[in-house]
C-alpha cells in the first residue's frame, strides 16, 4: 500500500495559490484509506495530486492511497467493499452503482448534498440518487452529442436542428448531394448503443429509459417500438454510411474527415482524432441531439466517474470530507483542466478552459439537460443485457424488418437476466 507524502511537486503547479475551500474544513485525524481505479498516467497524477493537497489541508490525517488497474478494479470492488473496506472508493454513477447500494456496501451521503452542493451538482443528482438518497459524488464527466462538418452545413444552407423534422430535412438535403448524414462504426456494438440512448430518451424520456435499462419495462412495450420507428426513419432514408458493421468507431472517422458523411453522434473524445486528421475548428462544430417528443425534457449521455464512502469505512467522517473537497468548484476546475483529465467539471460553478467543445458541453450539461444525465447504455444496463441489446441494435440497423424477432429476443434475455 502506498503511503502518500504530504508534499507533492506534481500538485504544486495544479493548486498554486491554494484554495479558499481549505480553510473551511474541520480538523481530521486518523487514517484515510482510498482505493482508486485512476491507473492511467494522467488520471493517476490527478489522484495523487488530490491526496497530496487534502493531506496538506489536514496534517493530522494519514492518507493511504492504493491505485488498482482499471479493469482489475472492476472485478475486485465487491470483494474489497465486503472485507477490509477503504474509506473512499472510485466507481460510476447510475445503474452501475445500484448493485452496491442494494447490497448495503455504499454509505448514504445525502447529508453532504444538502444546500449548495445539491444546486451545483444538479445535472448528475438523479444519477447519484436511489431511494431518494445520494450514495456518492461525481468528479468528472464528458458530453456526447452530434459533431458535424460546419463547412458542409454552410455550403448547403443547413442550420443546427432543434427538432426531429429539421434533422430529417437536413439529412435529405445532404443525401440529395451525395453525402451521408451520419458516419458510424458498429463493429464493437457500443456506438449503436449511443444512438439508442438518444432516440429513446428523446422519444420516451430519461425516467422511462432508466426503467427500461433496469428491467422494469418490457422490450416489447409500445414506447420501445416508437423509439425504433423513429430510428427506422433514418435507416430507410439511407442516413448512415454503408457497411458500418465492418468499422470500429475510429475506422468510421475518415468518412467525416473526407466529407463523405456530415456528422457523428459520439463522445467528446472524438474531437482529438478529428483535429489530428486535419479538420480545423472552423470546419468542425457540435450540437445537442435535437428534441423528438416535445413533451419530453432533454436528457443527455454523460458518463460520470464518482467517489463513494463504503458502508464499512473505518473513518467515514474523513471519507465524507474528502468527497466534499473533490466536488468544490476550485478542485473540479483544476482536475478537469486540459493538462489534467481534459474532461468536464460537474460543478456548475467550476470553469472550463477555452476549448470550444468543452465549453459547449459544459453549457449543455450544466444548463440544458433538465431531464437528467444517463451514463451510457453499457453502463446503465447490466453487462449481459447490454451485450444482447447492443447486438440487437446493430442487427436492426442492417435488418430493420427483423424488429419483432429482435425485441422478442431482448425480452427473453431480460426475463433471464433480471430474474423476472
Protein backbone atom coordinates (compact mmCIF):
# COMPACT_ATOMS: atom_id res chain seq x y z
CA UNK A 1 0.00 0.00 0.00
CA UNK A 2 1.36 3.39 -0.99
CA UNK A 3 1.74 5.89 1.85
CA UNK A 4 1.23 9.22 0.16
CA UNK A 5 3.61 12.01 1.06
CA UNK A 6 2.11 15.21 2.43
CA UNK A 7 4.09 17.32 -0.04
CA UNK A 8 3.93 16.84 -3.79
CA UNK A 9 5.87 18.59 -6.52
CA UNK A 10 3.28 17.44 -9.07
CA UNK A 11 0.38 19.04 -7.26
CA UNK A 12 2.15 22.34 -6.64
CA UNK A 13 1.58 23.54 -10.19
CA UNK A 14 -2.03 22.45 -10.17
CA UNK A 15 -3.05 24.16 -6.97
CA UNK A 16 -0.77 27.17 -6.93
CA UNK A 17 -2.17 29.79 -4.63
CA UNK A 18 -4.18 27.23 -2.66
CA UNK A 19 -7.95 27.03 -2.34
CA UNK A 20 -10.19 29.08 -0.13
CA UNK A 21 -12.03 25.82 0.41
CA UNK A 22 -9.17 24.51 2.56
CA UNK A 23 -9.88 26.85 5.43
CA UNK A 24 -13.49 25.76 5.67
CA UNK A 25 -12.77 22.17 6.67
CA UNK A 26 -12.94 20.70 10.12
CA UNK A 27 -9.86 19.14 11.65
CA UNK A 28 -9.47 15.48 10.73
CA UNK A 29 -7.21 12.79 12.14
CA UNK A 30 -6.55 9.06 11.97
CA UNK A 31 -6.15 7.08 8.75
CA UNK A 32 -7.94 7.80 5.47
CA UNK A 33 -7.70 4.78 3.15
CA UNK A 34 -8.51 5.41 -0.54
CA UNK A 35 -8.80 2.79 -3.28
CA UNK A 36 -8.74 4.22 -6.82
CA UNK A 37 -9.04 2.91 -10.37
CA UNK A 38 -7.36 6.01 -11.83
CA UNK A 39 -4.45 3.96 -13.12
CA UNK A 40 -3.64 5.63 -16.44
CA UNK A 41 -0.86 8.25 -16.21
CA UNK A 42 -2.93 11.47 -16.35
CA UNK A 43 -5.71 10.29 -14.00
CA UNK A 44 -3.14 8.83 -11.62
CA UNK A 45 -1.33 12.16 -11.43
CA UNK A 46 -4.65 13.85 -10.65
CA UNK A 47 -5.48 11.32 -7.93
CA UNK A 48 -2.06 11.71 -6.33
CA UNK A 49 -2.47 15.48 -6.52
CA UNK A 50 -5.83 15.33 -4.77
CA UNK A 51 -4.40 13.21 -1.98
CA UNK A 52 -1.38 15.48 -1.59
CA UNK A 53 -3.43 18.66 -1.28
CA UNK A 54 -6.03 17.11 1.02
CA UNK A 55 -3.17 15.88 3.16
CA UNK A 56 -1.73 19.38 3.35
CA UNK A 57 -5.13 20.65 4.48
CA UNK A 58 -5.26 18.01 7.23
CA UNK A 59 -1.75 17.45 8.60
CA UNK A 60 -3.03 15.13 11.36
CA UNK A 61 -4.58 12.79 8.79
CA UNK A 62 -2.53 9.86 7.47
CA UNK A 63 -3.70 9.15 3.91
CA UNK A 64 -3.05 5.80 2.28
CA UNK A 65 -3.72 5.57 -1.45
CA UNK A 66 -3.87 2.32 -3.40
CA UNK A 67 -4.20 2.61 -7.18
CA UNK A 68 -5.52 -0.52 -8.92
CA UNK A 69 -5.59 -1.23 -12.65
CA UNK A 70 -8.94 -0.05 -14.01
CA UNK A 71 -10.06 -3.41 -15.39
CA UNK A 72 -8.84 -5.36 -12.36
CA UNK A 73 -10.66 -2.89 -10.12
CA UNK A 74 -14.00 -3.87 -11.68
CA UNK A 75 -13.52 -7.49 -10.63
CA UNK A 76 -12.18 -6.66 -7.17
CA UNK A 77 -14.56 -3.96 -5.96
CA UNK A 78 -17.24 -6.22 -4.48
CA UNK A 79 -14.64 -8.20 -2.55
CA UNK A 80 -12.91 -5.21 -1.00
CA UNK A 81 -16.19 -3.45 -0.19
CA UNK A 82 -17.25 -6.58 1.69
CA UNK A 83 -14.00 -7.17 3.59
CA UNK A 84 -11.39 -4.60 4.64
CA UNK A 85 -13.27 -1.74 3.01
CA UNK A 86 -11.43 1.55 2.37
CA UNK A 87 -12.85 4.91 3.42
CA UNK A 88 -13.17 6.19 -0.15
CA UNK A 89 -13.53 4.27 -3.42
CA UNK A 90 -13.91 5.22 -7.10
CA UNK A 91 -16.83 3.95 -9.14
CA UNK A 92 -19.53 5.07 -11.59
CA UNK A 93 -22.94 6.74 -11.37
CA UNK A 94 -26.40 5.48 -12.28
CA UNK A 95 -27.27 1.80 -12.51
CA UNK A 96 -23.59 0.86 -12.19
CA UNK A 97 -23.72 1.82 -8.51
CA UNK A 98 -27.10 0.16 -7.92
CA UNK A 99 -25.83 -3.36 -7.04
CA UNK A 100 -23.59 -1.93 -4.33
CA UNK A 101 -26.31 0.30 -2.95
CA UNK A 102 -28.77 -2.63 -2.93
CA UNK A 103 -26.20 -4.82 -1.19
CA UNK A 104 -25.64 -2.19 1.51
CA UNK A 105 -22.00 -1.68 0.51
CA UNK A 106 -22.11 2.09 -0.18
CA UNK A 107 -22.91 4.62 2.53
CA UNK A 108 -25.74 7.13 2.28
CA UNK A 109 -24.03 10.53 1.94
CA UNK A 110 -27.19 12.63 1.47
CA UNK A 111 -26.11 14.92 4.32
CA UNK A 112 -23.21 16.35 2.31
CA UNK A 113 -25.56 17.06 -0.62
CA UNK A 114 -27.71 19.43 1.41
CA UNK A 115 -27.80 23.06 0.30
CA UNK A 116 -25.31 24.44 -2.19
CA UNK A 117 -23.90 21.13 -3.39
CA UNK A 118 -27.33 19.94 -4.48
CA UNK A 119 -27.69 23.02 -6.69
CA UNK A 120 -24.16 22.97 -8.07
CA UNK A 121 -24.25 19.26 -8.92
CA UNK A 122 -27.86 19.25 -10.11
CA UNK A 123 -27.00 17.82 -13.54
CA UNK A 124 -25.97 14.47 -12.02
CA UNK A 125 -28.07 14.37 -8.85
CA UNK A 126 -30.56 11.95 -10.38
CA UNK A 127 -27.70 9.66 -11.42
CA UNK A 128 -26.39 9.62 -7.83
CA UNK A 129 -29.82 9.06 -6.26
CA UNK A 130 -31.58 5.85 -5.27
CA UNK A 131 -34.50 5.64 -2.84
CA UNK A 132 -34.40 9.45 -2.59
CA UNK A 133 -30.88 9.30 -1.12
CA UNK A 134 -27.46 10.15 -2.57
CA UNK A 135 -24.80 7.45 -2.47
CA UNK A 136 -21.67 9.23 -3.69
CA UNK A 137 -20.43 12.29 -5.56
CA UNK A 138 -19.34 12.93 -9.18
CA UNK A 139 -15.95 14.38 -10.04
CA UNK A 140 -15.80 14.31 -13.84
CA UNK A 141 -17.87 13.59 -16.93
CA UNK A 142 -17.87 14.29 -20.65
CA UNK A 143 -20.57 15.11 -23.14
CA UNK A 144 -21.98 13.19 -26.04
CA UNK A 145 -23.65 14.91 -28.95
CA UNK A 146 -23.55 15.45 -32.68
CA UNK A 147 -20.16 16.56 -34.05
CA UNK A 148 -20.60 17.87 -37.56
CA UNK A 149 -18.88 19.43 -40.55
CA UNK A 150 -19.89 23.08 -40.19
CA UNK A 151 -18.45 23.88 -43.62
CA UNK A 152 -20.74 21.32 -45.27
CA UNK A 153 -23.75 22.63 -43.37
CA UNK A 154 -22.87 26.15 -44.53
CA UNK A 155 -22.41 25.02 -48.11
CA UNK A 156 -25.91 23.57 -48.26
CA UNK A 157 -27.61 26.24 -46.13
CA UNK A 158 -28.32 23.98 -43.15
CA UNK A 159 -28.89 25.08 -39.56
CA UNK A 160 -28.24 23.12 -36.38
CA UNK A 161 -31.51 21.20 -35.86
CA UNK A 162 -33.61 21.92 -32.79
CA UNK A 163 -36.23 19.29 -33.63
CA UNK A 164 -36.58 15.93 -35.36
CA UNK A 165 -38.20 17.26 -38.53
CA UNK A 166 -35.31 19.66 -39.12
CA UNK A 167 -32.77 16.90 -38.51
CA UNK A 168 -34.51 14.78 -41.16
CA UNK A 169 -34.83 17.62 -43.66
CA UNK A 170 -31.13 18.44 -43.20
CA UNK A 171 -30.41 14.78 -43.78
CA UNK A 172 -32.39 14.68 -47.00
CA UNK A 173 -30.56 17.73 -48.35
CA UNK A 174 -27.22 16.08 -47.65
CA UNK A 175 -28.32 12.80 -49.24
CA UNK A 176 -29.55 14.69 -52.32
CA UNK A 177 -25.99 15.99 -52.66
CA UNK A 178 -24.33 12.61 -52.28
CA UNK A 179 -23.33 12.99 -48.63
CA UNK A 180 -24.34 10.58 -45.87
CA UNK A 181 -25.91 12.25 -42.86
CA UNK A 182 -24.01 10.25 -40.25
CA UNK A 183 -20.92 8.16 -40.03
CA UNK A 184 -20.86 5.28 -37.55
CA UNK A 185 -18.85 2.12 -36.94
CA UNK A 186 -20.83 -0.61 -35.17
CA UNK A 187 -18.18 -3.34 -35.27
CA UNK A 188 -17.87 -3.13 -31.47
CA UNK A 189 -21.60 -2.51 -30.87
CA UNK A 190 -21.48 0.31 -28.30
CA UNK A 191 -21.78 3.09 -30.88
CA UNK A 192 -25.26 1.77 -31.74
CA UNK A 193 -25.96 1.93 -28.01
CA UNK A 194 -25.37 5.68 -28.16
CA UNK A 195 -27.98 6.04 -30.89
CA UNK A 196 -30.50 4.00 -28.91
CA UNK A 197 -29.86 6.09 -25.80
CA UNK A 198 -30.60 9.38 -27.52
CA UNK A 199 -33.53 8.17 -29.58
CA UNK A 200 -35.15 6.51 -26.55
CA UNK A 201 -34.56 9.44 -24.18
CA UNK A 202 -35.86 11.90 -26.79
CA UNK A 203 -38.90 9.71 -27.50
CA UNK A 204 -39.84 8.49 -24.02
CA UNK A 205 -37.75 10.47 -21.54
CA UNK A 206 -34.99 9.81 -19.02
CA UNK A 207 -37.13 8.02 -16.40
CA UNK A 208 -38.52 5.60 -18.99
CA UNK A 209 -35.02 4.92 -20.30
CA UNK A 210 -33.71 4.19 -16.80
CA UNK A 211 -36.67 1.89 -16.08
CA UNK A 212 -36.01 0.02 -19.32
CA UNK A 213 -32.32 -0.49 -18.57
CA UNK A 214 -33.25 -1.58 -15.03
CA UNK A 215 -35.57 -4.29 -16.36
CA UNK A 216 -38.78 -2.61 -15.22
CA UNK A 217 -40.26 -2.04 -18.71
CA UNK A 218 -40.54 -4.82 -21.32
CA UNK A 219 -38.64 -4.52 -24.57
CA UNK A 220 -41.90 -5.22 -26.38
CA UNK A 221 -43.51 -2.10 -24.91
CA UNK A 222 -45.11 0.37 -27.35
CA UNK A 223 -42.71 3.09 -26.19
CA UNK A 224 -39.71 1.00 -27.22
CA UNK A 225 -41.34 0.28 -30.56
CA UNK A 226 -41.80 4.02 -31.14
CA UNK A 227 -38.10 4.59 -30.48
CA UNK A 228 -37.23 2.01 -33.13
CA UNK A 229 -39.81 3.51 -35.51
CA UNK A 230 -38.03 6.87 -35.21
CA UNK A 231 -34.67 5.17 -35.77
CA UNK A 232 -36.05 3.40 -38.83
CA UNK A 233 -36.96 6.72 -40.44
CA UNK A 234 -33.23 7.49 -40.66
CA UNK A 235 -32.30 3.96 -41.69
CA UNK A 236 -34.85 3.92 -44.51
CA UNK A 237 -33.56 7.28 -45.75
CA UNK A 238 -30.07 5.83 -46.03
CA UNK A 239 -28.77 8.26 -43.41
CA UNK A 240 -25.87 6.10 -42.20
CA UNK A 241 -22.70 5.08 -44.00
CA UNK A 242 -22.79 1.69 -45.69
CA UNK A 243 -21.13 -1.41 -44.23
CA UNK A 244 -20.83 0.17 -40.79
CA UNK A 245 -20.62 -3.25 -39.11
CA UNK A 246 -17.13 -3.57 -40.61
CA UNK A 247 -15.79 -0.44 -38.89
CA UNK A 248 -14.66 0.45 -35.39
CA UNK A 249 -15.56 3.96 -34.26
CA UNK A 250 -12.09 5.17 -35.27
CA UNK A 251 -12.30 3.50 -38.68
CA UNK A 252 -15.54 5.42 -39.32
CA UNK A 253 -13.83 8.80 -38.78
CA UNK A 254 -12.43 9.15 -42.34
CA UNK A 255 -15.95 9.37 -43.80
CA UNK A 256 -16.43 12.60 -41.89
CA UNK A 257 -12.89 13.84 -42.44
CA UNK A 258 -13.19 13.30 -46.22
CA UNK A 259 -16.64 14.87 -46.42
CA UNK A 260 -18.43 11.64 -47.35
CA UNK A 261 -20.54 11.98 -44.19
CA UNK A 262 -21.52 15.18 -42.44
CA UNK A 263 -21.82 14.23 -38.76
CA UNK A 264 -21.04 11.74 -35.99
CA UNK A 265 -23.05 11.05 -32.82
CA UNK A 266 -20.18 10.45 -30.43
CA UNK A 267 -18.46 11.38 -27.19
CA UNK A 268 -16.15 14.36 -26.93
CA UNK A 269 -13.15 12.04 -27.18
CA UNK A 270 -13.75 12.06 -30.96
CA UNK A 271 -12.60 15.67 -31.23
CA UNK A 272 -8.88 14.99 -30.83
CA UNK A 273 -8.60 12.41 -33.67
CA UNK A 274 -10.77 14.58 -35.94
CA UNK A 275 -8.42 17.51 -35.35
CA UNK A 276 -5.38 15.29 -35.79
CA UNK A 277 -6.82 14.11 -39.13
CA UNK A 278 -6.77 17.70 -40.36
CA UNK A 279 -10.17 19.22 -39.57
CA UNK A 280 -9.93 22.76 -38.22
CA UNK A 281 -12.26 24.19 -35.59
CA UNK A 282 -13.80 26.29 -38.39
CA UNK A 283 -14.80 23.06 -40.12
CA UNK A 284 -15.88 21.16 -37.01
CA UNK A 285 -18.73 22.02 -34.66
CA UNK A 286 -21.15 20.44 -32.17
CA UNK A 287 -24.86 20.47 -31.42
CA UNK A 288 -27.06 18.88 -28.79
CA UNK A 289 -29.17 16.00 -30.12
CA UNK A 290 -32.50 17.64 -31.01
CA UNK A 291 -35.90 17.10 -29.45
CA UNK A 292 -38.19 14.42 -30.88
CA UNK A 293 -41.13 14.38 -28.46
CA UNK A 294 -41.76 18.00 -27.37
CA UNK A 295 -43.35 16.77 -24.14
CA UNK A 296 -40.10 15.12 -23.02
CA UNK A 297 -37.37 17.08 -21.25
CA UNK A 298 -33.92 16.86 -22.82
CA UNK A 299 -31.62 14.34 -21.17
CA UNK A 300 -28.01 13.58 -22.08
CA UNK A 301 -25.48 10.79 -22.10
CA UNK A 302 -22.58 11.92 -19.93
CA UNK A 303 -20.61 9.02 -18.46
CA UNK A 304 -19.80 10.13 -14.92
CA UNK A 305 -16.97 8.96 -12.66
CA UNK A 306 -17.62 9.05 -8.94
CA UNK A 307 -16.31 8.73 -5.40
CA UNK A 308 -18.11 6.78 -2.68
CA UNK A 309 -17.75 6.10 1.03
CA UNK A 310 -18.10 2.34 1.63
CA UNK A 311 -20.63 1.33 4.26
CA UNK A 312 -17.89 -0.40 6.26
CA UNK A 313 -15.47 2.54 6.17
CA UNK A 314 -13.37 2.91 9.31
CA UNK A 315 -13.15 6.70 9.04
CA UNK A 316 -16.40 7.83 7.36
CA UNK A 317 -16.02 11.40 8.66
CA UNK A 318 -12.76 11.81 6.74
CA UNK A 319 -14.23 9.99 3.74
CA UNK A 320 -17.19 12.40 3.53
CA UNK A 321 -14.86 15.38 3.96
CA UNK A 322 -12.80 14.13 1.00
CA UNK A 323 -15.97 13.84 -1.10
CA UNK A 324 -16.96 17.42 -0.26
CA UNK A 325 -13.45 18.60 -1.13
CA UNK A 326 -13.46 16.83 -4.52
CA UNK A 327 -16.76 18.46 -5.52
CA UNK A 328 -15.72 22.04 -4.76
CA UNK A 329 -15.67 24.37 -7.82
CA UNK A 330 -11.95 25.09 -7.46
CA UNK A 331 -10.92 21.44 -7.28
CA UNK A 332 -13.24 20.39 -10.10
CA UNK A 333 -11.82 23.14 -12.27
CA UNK A 334 -8.22 22.04 -11.94
CA UNK A 335 -8.66 18.27 -12.03
CA UNK A 336 -10.64 18.56 -15.29
CA UNK A 337 -8.30 21.05 -16.95
CA UNK A 338 -6.85 20.21 -20.37
CA UNK A 339 -3.47 19.37 -18.81
CA UNK A 340 -5.13 17.05 -16.25
CA UNK A 341 -8.21 14.88 -17.02
CA UNK A 342 -9.21 17.05 -20.00
CA UNK A 343 -12.90 16.49 -19.31
CA UNK A 344 -15.77 18.47 -17.79
CA UNK A 345 -16.30 19.54 -14.19
CA UNK A 346 -19.71 18.53 -12.86
CA UNK A 347 -19.95 21.50 -10.50
CA UNK A 348 -21.80 24.24 -12.40
CA UNK A 349 -19.77 26.90 -10.58
CA UNK A 350 -16.47 25.48 -11.87
CA UNK A 351 -14.87 26.82 -15.04
CA UNK A 352 -13.57 25.21 -18.20
CA UNK A 353 -10.73 26.17 -20.48
CA UNK A 354 -11.01 27.91 -23.86
CA UNK A 355 -11.62 24.71 -25.86
CA UNK A 356 -14.91 25.39 -27.65
CA UNK A 357 -16.15 21.80 -27.42
CA UNK A 358 -15.59 21.62 -23.68
CA UNK A 359 -17.34 24.96 -23.31
CA UNK A 360 -20.31 23.81 -25.37
CA UNK A 361 -20.54 20.52 -23.50
CA UNK A 362 -20.34 22.28 -20.14
CA UNK A 363 -23.17 24.61 -21.17
CA UNK A 364 -25.37 21.73 -22.34
CA UNK A 365 -24.83 19.57 -19.26
CA UNK A 366 -24.96 22.39 -16.71
CA UNK A 367 -27.83 24.38 -18.20
CA UNK A 368 -29.79 22.40 -20.79
CA UNK A 369 -30.22 18.81 -19.58
CA UNK A 370 -33.27 19.17 -17.30
CA UNK A 371 -34.37 15.60 -17.99
CA UNK A 372 -31.29 14.07 -16.39
CA UNK A 373 -27.90 12.58 -17.23
CA UNK A 374 -27.63 8.95 -18.32
CA UNK A 375 -24.39 7.02 -18.06
CA UNK A 376 -24.45 5.33 -21.49
CA UNK A 377 -26.24 2.12 -22.37
CA UNK A 378 -23.50 -0.33 -21.42
CA UNK A 379 -23.15 1.35 -18.01
CA UNK A 380 -26.86 1.76 -17.34
CA UNK A 381 -27.83 -1.81 -18.22
CA UNK A 382 -26.27 -4.94 -16.68
CA UNK A 383 -23.30 -6.14 -18.73
CA UNK A 384 -25.04 -9.26 -20.06
CA UNK A 385 -28.17 -7.32 -21.04
CA UNK A 386 -26.12 -4.58 -22.64
CA UNK A 387 -24.33 -7.08 -24.85
CA UNK A 388 -27.52 -8.79 -26.04
CA UNK A 389 -29.33 -5.48 -26.59
CA UNK A 390 -26.48 -3.84 -28.49
CA UNK A 391 -26.22 -6.90 -30.74
CA UNK A 392 -29.91 -6.30 -31.42
CA UNK A 393 -29.32 -2.60 -32.17
CA UNK A 394 -26.60 -3.46 -34.65
CA UNK A 395 -28.81 -6.05 -36.35
CA UNK A 396 -31.71 -3.60 -36.52
CA UNK A 397 -29.56 -1.04 -38.32
CA UNK A 398 -28.88 -3.65 -41.02
CA UNK A 399 -32.13 -5.64 -40.92
CA UNK A 400 -34.88 -3.33 -39.63
CA UNK A 401 -37.57 -5.77 -40.79
CA UNK A 402 -36.38 -8.15 -38.06
CA UNK A 403 -37.55 -5.81 -35.28
CA UNK A 404 -40.20 -8.16 -33.87
CA UNK A 405 -37.71 -11.01 -33.58
CA UNK A 406 -35.08 -8.70 -32.09
CA UNK A 407 -37.43 -7.32 -29.44
CA UNK A 408 -38.69 -10.79 -28.54
CA UNK A 409 -35.09 -11.98 -28.16
CA UNK A 410 -34.26 -8.98 -25.95
CA UNK A 411 -37.31 -9.55 -23.78
CA UNK A 412 -36.45 -13.23 -23.34
CA UNK A 413 -32.93 -12.25 -22.33
CA UNK A 414 -34.28 -9.64 -19.90
CA UNK A 415 -36.52 -12.26 -18.29
CA UNK A 416 -33.45 -14.37 -17.59
CA UNK A 417 -31.03 -11.58 -16.65
CA UNK A 418 -33.29 -9.57 -14.37
CA UNK A 419 -34.90 -12.69 -12.84
CA UNK A 420 -38.38 -11.53 -13.75
